N, C-alpha and C. Protein backbone atom coordinates (compact mmCIF):
# COMPACT_ATOMS: atom_id res chain seq x y z
N UNK A 1 29.46 -5.93 15.24
CA UNK A 1 29.66 -6.76 14.07
C UNK A 1 30.62 -7.89 14.44
N UNK A 2 30.38 -9.06 13.93
CA UNK A 2 31.20 -10.21 14.20
C UNK A 2 32.30 -10.29 13.15
N UNK A 3 33.52 -9.97 13.48
CA UNK A 3 34.59 -9.97 12.50
C UNK A 3 34.96 -11.35 11.97
N UNK A 4 34.66 -12.41 12.71
CA UNK A 4 35.11 -13.75 12.27
C UNK A 4 34.42 -14.24 11.01
N UNK A 5 33.12 -13.95 10.88
CA UNK A 5 32.40 -14.49 9.71
C UNK A 5 31.80 -13.40 8.83
N UNK A 6 32.01 -12.14 9.15
CA UNK A 6 31.54 -11.06 8.32
C UNK A 6 30.01 -10.81 8.44
N UNK A 7 29.37 -11.34 9.44
CA UNK A 7 27.95 -11.06 9.62
C UNK A 7 27.80 -9.84 10.55
N UNK A 8 26.67 -9.20 10.37
CA UNK A 8 26.35 -8.08 11.21
C UNK A 8 25.51 -8.59 12.38
N UNK A 9 25.95 -8.30 13.58
CA UNK A 9 25.31 -8.89 14.77
C UNK A 9 24.27 -7.94 15.38
N UNK A 10 23.15 -8.51 15.72
CA UNK A 10 22.09 -7.83 16.45
C UNK A 10 22.00 -8.47 17.79
N UNK A 11 22.09 -7.73 18.87
CA UNK A 11 22.04 -8.29 20.19
C UNK A 11 20.79 -7.84 20.93
N UNK A 12 20.19 -8.79 21.62
CA UNK A 12 18.94 -8.54 22.35
C UNK A 12 19.07 -9.15 23.72
N UNK A 13 18.72 -8.42 24.73
CA UNK A 13 18.78 -8.95 26.12
C UNK A 13 17.37 -9.09 26.67
N UNK A 14 17.05 -10.32 27.15
CA UNK A 14 15.72 -10.61 27.67
C UNK A 14 15.87 -11.41 28.99
N UNK A 15 14.83 -11.31 29.82
CA UNK A 15 14.81 -12.14 31.01
C UNK A 15 14.61 -13.59 30.65
N UNK A 16 13.58 -13.79 29.75
CA UNK A 16 13.27 -15.15 29.34
C UNK A 16 12.88 -15.19 27.90
N UNK A 17 12.94 -16.30 27.23
CA UNK A 17 12.67 -16.44 25.80
C UNK A 17 11.23 -16.01 25.47
N UNK A 18 10.29 -16.24 26.37
CA UNK A 18 8.88 -15.90 26.10
C UNK A 18 8.71 -14.44 25.78
N UNK A 19 9.59 -13.57 26.24
CA UNK A 19 9.49 -12.13 25.96
C UNK A 19 9.66 -11.83 24.49
N UNK A 20 10.32 -12.71 23.75
CA UNK A 20 10.54 -12.48 22.30
C UNK A 20 9.25 -12.62 21.53
N UNK A 21 8.32 -13.40 22.01
CA UNK A 21 7.11 -13.72 21.29
C UNK A 21 5.88 -13.03 21.86
N UNK A 22 4.93 -12.86 20.98
CA UNK A 22 3.65 -12.20 21.37
C UNK A 22 2.89 -13.15 22.28
N UNK A 23 2.66 -12.75 23.51
CA UNK A 23 1.99 -13.64 24.47
C UNK A 23 0.53 -13.85 24.15
N UNK A 24 -0.08 -13.01 23.31
CA UNK A 24 -1.48 -13.13 22.96
C UNK A 24 -1.70 -14.09 21.80
N UNK A 25 -0.63 -14.51 21.12
CA UNK A 25 -0.73 -15.36 19.99
C UNK A 25 -0.90 -16.83 20.42
N UNK A 26 -2.03 -17.44 20.08
CA UNK A 26 -2.24 -18.83 20.54
C UNK A 26 -1.60 -19.90 19.66
N UNK A 27 -0.88 -19.49 18.61
CA UNK A 27 -0.28 -20.44 17.69
C UNK A 27 0.76 -21.31 18.37
N UNK A 28 1.09 -22.47 17.78
CA UNK A 28 2.23 -23.22 18.31
C UNK A 28 3.50 -22.40 18.28
N UNK A 29 4.47 -22.80 19.09
CA UNK A 29 5.68 -21.95 19.28
C UNK A 29 6.33 -21.55 18.00
N UNK A 30 6.59 -22.47 17.06
CA UNK A 30 7.32 -22.11 15.84
C UNK A 30 6.52 -21.22 14.91
N UNK A 31 5.21 -21.11 15.09
CA UNK A 31 4.38 -20.26 14.24
C UNK A 31 3.99 -18.95 14.91
N UNK A 32 4.46 -18.71 16.09
CA UNK A 32 4.09 -17.53 16.87
C UNK A 32 4.66 -16.27 16.27
N UNK A 33 3.90 -15.18 16.41
CA UNK A 33 4.40 -13.87 16.00
C UNK A 33 5.40 -13.40 17.05
N UNK A 34 6.31 -12.55 16.60
CA UNK A 34 7.19 -11.91 17.53
C UNK A 34 6.48 -10.82 18.25
N UNK A 35 6.94 -10.51 19.44
CA UNK A 35 6.35 -9.37 20.20
C UNK A 35 6.62 -8.13 19.32
N UNK A 36 5.63 -7.23 19.20
CA UNK A 36 5.83 -6.04 18.34
C UNK A 36 7.08 -5.22 18.76
N UNK A 37 7.33 -5.07 20.05
CA UNK A 37 8.46 -4.28 20.51
C UNK A 37 9.78 -4.98 20.12
N UNK A 38 9.80 -6.31 20.23
CA UNK A 38 10.98 -7.06 19.87
C UNK A 38 11.25 -6.98 18.37
N UNK A 39 10.17 -7.10 17.59
CA UNK A 39 10.28 -7.05 16.10
C UNK A 39 10.82 -5.66 15.73
N UNK A 40 10.29 -4.58 16.30
CA UNK A 40 10.73 -3.23 15.96
C UNK A 40 12.19 -3.02 16.36
N UNK A 41 12.57 -3.53 17.51
CA UNK A 41 13.96 -3.42 17.97
C UNK A 41 14.90 -4.09 16.99
N UNK A 42 14.57 -5.33 16.61
CA UNK A 42 15.39 -6.07 15.68
C UNK A 42 15.49 -5.39 14.32
N UNK A 43 14.32 -5.00 13.81
CA UNK A 43 14.28 -4.36 12.49
C UNK A 43 15.00 -2.99 12.48
N UNK A 44 14.82 -2.23 13.52
CA UNK A 44 15.47 -0.89 13.54
C UNK A 44 16.97 -1.08 13.69
N UNK A 45 17.43 -2.01 14.46
CA UNK A 45 18.87 -2.28 14.60
C UNK A 45 19.42 -2.73 13.24
N UNK A 46 18.67 -3.59 12.54
CA UNK A 46 19.10 -4.12 11.24
C UNK A 46 19.21 -2.99 10.24
N UNK A 47 18.31 -2.01 10.30
CA UNK A 47 18.39 -0.85 9.35
C UNK A 47 19.65 -0.04 9.50
N UNK A 48 20.22 -0.08 10.71
CA UNK A 48 21.44 0.70 10.97
C UNK A 48 22.71 -0.03 10.62
N UNK A 49 22.65 -1.33 10.37
CA UNK A 49 23.79 -2.15 10.07
C UNK A 49 24.17 -2.03 8.59
N UNK A 50 25.39 -2.38 8.24
CA UNK A 50 25.80 -2.33 6.81
C UNK A 50 24.91 -3.19 5.94
N UNK A 51 24.55 -2.68 4.76
CA UNK A 51 23.58 -3.28 3.90
C UNK A 51 24.03 -4.60 3.26
N UNK A 52 25.30 -4.75 3.04
CA UNK A 52 25.78 -5.91 2.26
C UNK A 52 26.00 -7.19 3.07
N UNK A 53 25.73 -7.14 4.36
CA UNK A 53 26.05 -8.33 5.20
C UNK A 53 24.81 -9.07 5.61
N UNK A 54 25.01 -10.33 5.94
CA UNK A 54 23.92 -11.11 6.50
C UNK A 54 23.84 -10.81 7.99
N UNK A 55 22.75 -11.10 8.63
CA UNK A 55 22.51 -10.80 10.00
C UNK A 55 22.68 -12.05 10.89
N UNK A 56 23.00 -11.77 12.12
CA UNK A 56 23.06 -12.76 13.17
C UNK A 56 22.40 -12.16 14.39
N UNK A 57 21.40 -12.84 14.95
CA UNK A 57 20.68 -12.40 16.15
C UNK A 57 21.22 -13.15 17.35
N UNK A 58 21.76 -12.44 18.33
CA UNK A 58 22.25 -13.08 19.53
C UNK A 58 21.32 -12.58 20.67
N UNK A 59 20.62 -13.55 21.27
CA UNK A 59 19.67 -13.25 22.30
C UNK A 59 20.27 -13.67 23.65
N UNK A 60 20.53 -12.71 24.50
CA UNK A 60 21.09 -12.97 25.84
C UNK A 60 19.88 -13.14 26.80
N UNK A 61 19.85 -14.28 27.46
CA UNK A 61 18.73 -14.60 28.33
C UNK A 61 19.20 -14.70 29.77
N UNK A 62 18.44 -14.18 30.71
CA UNK A 62 18.74 -14.29 32.15
C UNK A 62 18.37 -15.66 32.68
N UNK A 63 17.32 -16.24 32.07
CA UNK A 63 16.81 -17.53 32.47
C UNK A 63 16.98 -18.53 31.35
N UNK A 64 17.60 -19.68 31.60
CA UNK A 64 17.74 -20.67 30.52
C UNK A 64 16.37 -21.11 30.00
N UNK A 65 16.23 -21.22 28.66
CA UNK A 65 14.92 -21.60 28.07
C UNK A 65 14.76 -23.14 28.09
N UNK A 66 13.50 -23.59 28.01
CA UNK A 66 13.30 -25.03 27.85
C UNK A 66 13.99 -25.50 26.57
N UNK A 67 14.53 -26.70 26.61
CA UNK A 67 15.34 -27.21 25.49
C UNK A 67 14.57 -27.22 24.15
N UNK A 68 13.27 -27.63 24.19
CA UNK A 68 12.51 -27.64 22.95
C UNK A 68 12.28 -26.25 22.36
N UNK A 69 12.08 -25.27 23.22
CA UNK A 69 11.93 -23.89 22.78
C UNK A 69 13.23 -23.35 22.22
N UNK A 70 14.29 -23.63 22.91
CA UNK A 70 15.63 -23.17 22.43
C UNK A 70 15.93 -23.70 21.06
N UNK A 71 15.60 -24.99 20.82
CA UNK A 71 15.91 -25.61 19.53
C UNK A 71 15.06 -25.00 18.42
N UNK A 72 13.83 -24.57 18.74
CA UNK A 72 12.93 -24.06 17.72
C UNK A 72 12.96 -22.56 17.51
N UNK A 73 13.76 -21.85 18.26
CA UNK A 73 13.79 -20.41 18.19
C UNK A 73 14.22 -19.89 16.84
N UNK A 74 15.29 -20.42 16.27
CA UNK A 74 15.78 -19.91 15.00
C UNK A 74 14.67 -20.11 13.92
N UNK A 75 14.04 -21.29 13.88
CA UNK A 75 13.00 -21.52 12.89
C UNK A 75 11.82 -20.57 13.12
N UNK A 76 11.45 -20.33 14.36
CA UNK A 76 10.34 -19.44 14.66
C UNK A 76 10.61 -18.02 14.20
N UNK A 77 11.78 -17.54 14.49
CA UNK A 77 12.17 -16.16 14.09
C UNK A 77 12.26 -16.05 12.58
N UNK A 78 12.89 -17.05 11.95
CA UNK A 78 13.00 -17.01 10.47
C UNK A 78 11.60 -17.08 9.83
N UNK A 79 10.77 -17.97 10.31
CA UNK A 79 9.41 -18.08 9.75
C UNK A 79 8.66 -16.79 9.87
N UNK A 80 8.78 -16.13 11.03
CA UNK A 80 8.03 -14.88 11.25
C UNK A 80 8.51 -13.85 10.24
N UNK A 81 9.81 -13.65 10.10
CA UNK A 81 10.29 -12.60 9.18
C UNK A 81 10.02 -12.99 7.72
N UNK A 82 10.04 -14.28 7.36
CA UNK A 82 9.66 -14.71 6.03
C UNK A 82 8.19 -14.41 5.72
N UNK A 83 7.35 -14.63 6.71
CA UNK A 83 5.94 -14.33 6.48
C UNK A 83 5.71 -12.82 6.34
N UNK A 84 6.45 -12.02 7.15
CA UNK A 84 6.37 -10.56 7.00
C UNK A 84 6.90 -10.07 5.63
N UNK A 85 7.99 -10.72 5.14
CA UNK A 85 8.50 -10.38 3.83
C UNK A 85 7.50 -10.70 2.72
N UNK A 86 6.82 -11.83 2.88
CA UNK A 86 5.81 -12.23 1.90
C UNK A 86 4.65 -11.23 1.91
N UNK A 87 4.23 -10.82 3.11
CA UNK A 87 3.17 -9.83 3.22
C UNK A 87 3.55 -8.50 2.56
N UNK A 88 4.79 -8.05 2.81
CA UNK A 88 5.25 -6.81 2.20
C UNK A 88 5.37 -6.93 0.71
N UNK A 89 5.82 -8.11 0.25
CA UNK A 89 5.92 -8.35 -1.22
C UNK A 89 4.52 -8.24 -1.85
N UNK A 90 3.50 -8.81 -1.19
CA UNK A 90 2.15 -8.72 -1.71
C UNK A 90 1.65 -7.26 -1.69
N UNK A 91 2.03 -6.55 -0.66
CA UNK A 91 1.68 -5.09 -0.57
C UNK A 91 2.31 -4.31 -1.71
N UNK A 92 3.56 -4.65 -2.03
CA UNK A 92 4.25 -3.98 -3.13
C UNK A 92 3.57 -4.33 -4.47
N UNK A 93 3.23 -5.59 -4.67
CA UNK A 93 2.48 -5.94 -5.90
C UNK A 93 1.18 -5.22 -6.03
N UNK A 94 0.45 -5.11 -4.89
CA UNK A 94 -0.83 -4.37 -4.85
C UNK A 94 -0.59 -2.91 -5.22
N UNK A 95 0.45 -2.30 -4.70
CA UNK A 95 0.74 -0.90 -5.02
C UNK A 95 1.05 -0.74 -6.48
N UNK A 96 1.83 -1.69 -7.06
CA UNK A 96 2.12 -1.57 -8.48
C UNK A 96 0.91 -1.76 -9.34
N UNK A 97 0.02 -2.67 -8.91
CA UNK A 97 -1.25 -2.86 -9.61
C UNK A 97 -2.09 -1.55 -9.59
N UNK A 98 -2.11 -0.93 -8.39
CA UNK A 98 -2.83 0.36 -8.26
C UNK A 98 -2.15 1.41 -9.14
N UNK A 99 -0.83 1.39 -9.20
CA UNK A 99 -0.10 2.31 -10.06
C UNK A 99 -0.48 2.16 -11.51
N UNK A 100 -0.54 0.89 -11.98
CA UNK A 100 -0.92 0.68 -13.40
C UNK A 100 -2.34 1.16 -13.67
N UNK A 101 -3.26 0.88 -12.75
CA UNK A 101 -4.66 1.33 -12.93
C UNK A 101 -4.67 2.88 -12.92
N UNK A 102 -4.02 3.46 -11.95
CA UNK A 102 -4.02 4.91 -11.81
C UNK A 102 -3.35 5.58 -13.05
N UNK A 103 -2.32 4.97 -13.55
CA UNK A 103 -1.63 5.50 -14.74
C UNK A 103 -2.54 5.45 -15.97
N UNK A 104 -3.25 4.33 -16.14
CA UNK A 104 -4.17 4.21 -17.25
C UNK A 104 -5.26 5.25 -17.15
N UNK A 105 -5.87 5.32 -15.99
CA UNK A 105 -6.96 6.35 -15.79
C UNK A 105 -6.41 7.80 -15.96
N UNK A 106 -5.25 8.02 -15.41
CA UNK A 106 -4.64 9.35 -15.52
C UNK A 106 -4.35 9.74 -16.96
N UNK A 107 -3.80 8.79 -17.75
CA UNK A 107 -3.50 9.06 -19.15
C UNK A 107 -4.75 9.28 -19.96
N UNK A 108 -5.76 8.49 -19.70
CA UNK A 108 -7.05 8.67 -20.40
C UNK A 108 -7.67 10.02 -20.06
N UNK A 109 -7.61 10.40 -18.77
CA UNK A 109 -8.17 11.71 -18.37
C UNK A 109 -7.33 12.84 -18.97
N UNK A 110 -6.02 12.69 -18.96
CA UNK A 110 -5.16 13.72 -19.55
C UNK A 110 -5.43 13.88 -21.06
N UNK A 111 -5.60 12.79 -21.76
CA UNK A 111 -5.92 12.83 -23.17
C UNK A 111 -7.28 13.52 -23.39
N UNK A 112 -8.25 13.15 -22.56
CA UNK A 112 -9.58 13.79 -22.70
C UNK A 112 -9.49 15.30 -22.42
N UNK A 113 -8.70 15.71 -21.42
CA UNK A 113 -8.55 17.13 -21.12
C UNK A 113 -7.84 17.86 -22.30
N UNK A 114 -6.85 17.25 -22.87
CA UNK A 114 -6.17 17.88 -24.02
C UNK A 114 -7.12 18.01 -25.21
N UNK A 115 -7.91 16.94 -25.46
CA UNK A 115 -8.87 16.98 -26.52
C UNK A 115 -9.92 18.10 -26.31
N UNK A 116 -10.47 18.16 -25.08
CA UNK A 116 -11.44 19.18 -24.77
C UNK A 116 -10.82 20.58 -24.86
N UNK A 117 -9.57 20.72 -24.45
CA UNK A 117 -8.95 22.01 -24.54
C UNK A 117 -8.77 22.47 -25.97
N UNK A 118 -8.56 21.55 -26.88
CA UNK A 118 -8.49 21.89 -28.31
C UNK A 118 -9.85 22.29 -28.86
N UNK A 119 -10.90 21.61 -28.39
CA UNK A 119 -12.28 21.97 -28.81
C UNK A 119 -12.61 23.33 -28.28
N UNK A 120 -12.29 23.63 -27.01
CA UNK A 120 -12.58 24.94 -26.42
C UNK A 120 -11.83 26.04 -27.11
N UNK A 121 -10.62 25.76 -27.56
CA UNK A 121 -9.82 26.77 -28.28
C UNK A 121 -10.48 27.21 -29.56
N UNK A 122 -11.28 26.40 -30.15
CA UNK A 122 -11.94 26.73 -31.41
C UNK A 122 -13.26 27.47 -31.24
N UNK A 123 -13.68 27.63 -29.97
CA UNK A 123 -14.97 28.31 -29.72
C UNK A 123 -14.91 29.78 -30.01
N UNK A 124 -13.74 30.38 -29.86
CA UNK A 124 -13.57 31.76 -30.25
C UNK A 124 -13.58 32.82 -29.14
N UNK A 125 -14.16 32.54 -27.98
CA UNK A 125 -14.16 33.49 -26.92
C UNK A 125 -12.75 33.45 -26.28
N UNK A 126 -11.95 34.40 -26.68
CA UNK A 126 -10.53 34.38 -26.32
C UNK A 126 -10.23 34.19 -24.83
N UNK A 127 -10.74 35.10 -23.97
CA UNK A 127 -10.43 35.07 -22.55
C UNK A 127 -11.00 33.84 -21.88
N UNK A 128 -12.29 33.57 -22.11
CA UNK A 128 -12.91 32.42 -21.50
C UNK A 128 -12.31 31.11 -22.04
N UNK A 129 -12.06 31.05 -23.34
CA UNK A 129 -11.46 29.85 -23.91
C UNK A 129 -10.08 29.61 -23.33
N UNK A 130 -9.29 30.67 -23.18
CA UNK A 130 -7.92 30.53 -22.66
C UNK A 130 -7.97 30.03 -21.22
N UNK A 131 -8.89 30.53 -20.42
CA UNK A 131 -9.02 30.09 -19.01
C UNK A 131 -9.44 28.61 -19.01
N UNK A 132 -10.44 28.22 -19.78
CA UNK A 132 -10.89 26.86 -19.85
C UNK A 132 -9.77 25.93 -20.32
N UNK A 133 -9.06 26.35 -21.37
CA UNK A 133 -7.95 25.51 -21.91
C UNK A 133 -6.89 25.29 -20.82
N UNK A 134 -6.50 26.34 -20.15
CA UNK A 134 -5.49 26.19 -19.11
C UNK A 134 -5.97 25.33 -17.96
N UNK A 135 -7.24 25.54 -17.59
CA UNK A 135 -7.84 24.74 -16.50
C UNK A 135 -7.86 23.25 -16.86
N UNK A 136 -8.24 22.93 -18.09
CA UNK A 136 -8.26 21.55 -18.52
C UNK A 136 -6.85 20.95 -18.56
N UNK A 137 -5.91 21.73 -19.01
CA UNK A 137 -4.52 21.25 -19.06
C UNK A 137 -3.99 20.95 -17.66
N UNK A 138 -4.24 21.92 -16.73
CA UNK A 138 -3.79 21.72 -15.36
C UNK A 138 -4.50 20.54 -14.75
N UNK A 139 -5.83 20.45 -14.96
CA UNK A 139 -6.58 19.30 -14.39
C UNK A 139 -6.06 17.96 -14.91
N UNK A 140 -5.73 17.91 -16.19
CA UNK A 140 -5.20 16.70 -16.77
C UNK A 140 -3.88 16.26 -16.11
N UNK A 141 -3.01 17.26 -15.93
CA UNK A 141 -1.71 16.94 -15.30
C UNK A 141 -1.83 16.60 -13.83
N UNK A 142 -2.81 17.23 -13.16
CA UNK A 142 -3.05 16.92 -11.74
C UNK A 142 -3.53 15.47 -11.61
N UNK A 143 -4.28 14.99 -12.58
CA UNK A 143 -4.74 13.58 -12.58
C UNK A 143 -3.55 12.64 -12.65
N UNK A 144 -2.42 13.07 -13.13
CA UNK A 144 -1.24 12.21 -13.26
C UNK A 144 -0.42 12.21 -11.97
N UNK A 145 -0.83 13.02 -11.01
CA UNK A 145 -0.02 13.16 -9.80
C UNK A 145 0.15 11.84 -9.08
N UNK A 146 -0.95 11.13 -8.79
CA UNK A 146 -0.89 9.91 -8.03
C UNK A 146 -0.11 8.79 -8.74
N UNK A 147 -0.32 8.55 -10.05
CA UNK A 147 0.49 7.50 -10.69
C UNK A 147 1.97 7.83 -10.64
N UNK A 148 2.29 9.08 -10.83
CA UNK A 148 3.71 9.49 -10.83
C UNK A 148 4.27 9.34 -9.42
N UNK A 149 3.47 9.63 -8.41
CA UNK A 149 3.91 9.51 -7.03
C UNK A 149 4.17 8.04 -6.70
N UNK A 150 3.31 7.15 -7.17
CA UNK A 150 3.50 5.71 -6.94
C UNK A 150 4.79 5.24 -7.64
N UNK A 151 4.94 5.56 -8.91
CA UNK A 151 6.07 5.04 -9.67
C UNK A 151 7.41 5.75 -9.39
N UNK A 152 7.36 6.93 -8.87
CA UNK A 152 8.61 7.64 -8.57
C UNK A 152 9.05 7.52 -7.11
N UNK A 153 8.10 7.43 -6.18
CA UNK A 153 8.46 7.49 -4.78
C UNK A 153 7.91 6.36 -3.90
N UNK A 154 6.68 5.98 -4.04
CA UNK A 154 6.01 5.08 -3.05
C UNK A 154 6.55 3.68 -3.00
N UNK A 155 7.05 3.15 -4.12
CA UNK A 155 7.49 1.74 -4.12
C UNK A 155 8.85 1.51 -3.53
N UNK A 156 9.70 2.47 -3.49
CA UNK A 156 11.07 2.30 -2.98
C UNK A 156 11.09 1.82 -1.51
N UNK A 157 10.34 2.51 -0.59
CA UNK A 157 10.38 2.04 0.81
C UNK A 157 9.88 0.61 0.96
N UNK A 158 8.83 0.24 0.19
CA UNK A 158 8.30 -1.11 0.33
C UNK A 158 9.35 -2.15 -0.20
N UNK A 159 10.00 -1.81 -1.29
CA UNK A 159 11.02 -2.73 -1.83
C UNK A 159 12.16 -2.91 -0.81
N UNK A 160 12.56 -1.80 -0.20
CA UNK A 160 13.65 -1.86 0.80
C UNK A 160 13.18 -2.68 2.01
N UNK A 161 11.93 -2.52 2.43
CA UNK A 161 11.44 -3.30 3.56
C UNK A 161 11.39 -4.75 3.23
N UNK A 162 11.01 -5.14 2.01
CA UNK A 162 11.01 -6.52 1.61
C UNK A 162 12.43 -7.09 1.69
N UNK A 163 13.40 -6.36 1.17
CA UNK A 163 14.78 -6.81 1.20
C UNK A 163 15.27 -6.99 2.64
N UNK A 164 14.95 -6.05 3.53
CA UNK A 164 15.34 -6.14 4.91
C UNK A 164 14.74 -7.39 5.57
N UNK A 165 13.46 -7.56 5.35
CA UNK A 165 12.77 -8.72 5.96
C UNK A 165 13.27 -10.05 5.44
N UNK A 166 13.64 -10.10 4.14
CA UNK A 166 14.19 -11.31 3.58
C UNK A 166 15.54 -11.62 4.24
N UNK A 167 16.34 -10.59 4.46
CA UNK A 167 17.62 -10.82 5.12
C UNK A 167 17.43 -11.28 6.58
N UNK A 168 16.44 -10.68 7.25
CA UNK A 168 16.12 -11.09 8.62
C UNK A 168 15.62 -12.55 8.65
N UNK A 169 14.92 -12.95 7.61
CA UNK A 169 14.39 -14.30 7.55
C UNK A 169 15.49 -15.35 7.32
N UNK A 170 16.68 -14.91 6.93
CA UNK A 170 17.83 -15.83 6.72
C UNK A 170 18.78 -15.81 7.90
N UNK A 171 18.60 -14.88 8.85
CA UNK A 171 19.57 -14.74 9.88
C UNK A 171 19.73 -15.93 10.83
N UNK A 172 20.92 -16.11 11.28
CA UNK A 172 21.20 -17.13 12.29
C UNK A 172 20.81 -16.59 13.66
N UNK A 173 20.22 -17.40 14.48
CA UNK A 173 19.80 -17.00 15.81
C UNK A 173 20.54 -17.83 16.85
N UNK A 174 21.19 -17.13 17.76
CA UNK A 174 21.92 -17.81 18.82
C UNK A 174 21.40 -17.38 20.19
N UNK A 175 21.15 -18.37 21.04
CA UNK A 175 20.69 -18.04 22.40
C UNK A 175 21.88 -18.16 23.34
N UNK A 176 22.04 -17.19 24.22
CA UNK A 176 23.12 -17.20 25.22
C UNK A 176 22.42 -17.07 26.54
N UNK A 177 22.59 -18.09 27.41
CA UNK A 177 21.99 -18.05 28.72
C UNK A 177 23.10 -18.26 29.78
N UNK A 178 22.80 -18.05 31.06
CA UNK A 178 23.82 -18.14 32.11
C UNK A 178 24.57 -19.49 32.12
N UNK A 179 23.93 -20.58 31.69
CA UNK A 179 24.62 -21.85 31.74
C UNK A 179 25.55 -22.03 30.55
N UNK A 180 25.47 -21.17 29.50
CA UNK A 180 26.35 -21.28 28.31
C UNK A 180 27.73 -20.80 28.66
């Protein structure tokens, strides 16, 4: 951690700047994806740092980078994490949309099961009616499992990932090479 400005520091050591980016990506430099291993390293280190601080990425290079690449590195890294945050935000919205649909279907099915269980109760066959009523009640509540799972558990990790990626998209990037 950098005590001077209160940012949480992530340090990465590479031979050359090209290792930071996916070599298979044909996009221009500032639009390139990060190498998956580099992204995972940065994100996992960020998860371990204090939550309330902004991040600073310090990349130690063995070989000095070309001047144009060095100047565009911060923008490239920020753009990459901003696009990942946007993707995760869309994924979260999709999950919540699925949750609303699942909740609507689950409530309708639960209501139908309760209604059928009341009709079965009036049939008069005590043992069979009781088994059918309980089965319908259980089936109705089981239909609520997925919507409850979405709204109680599934959205938290996505929201946390969005927040992490947004902070990574704001981080300052510093290159340190032998000539510095």
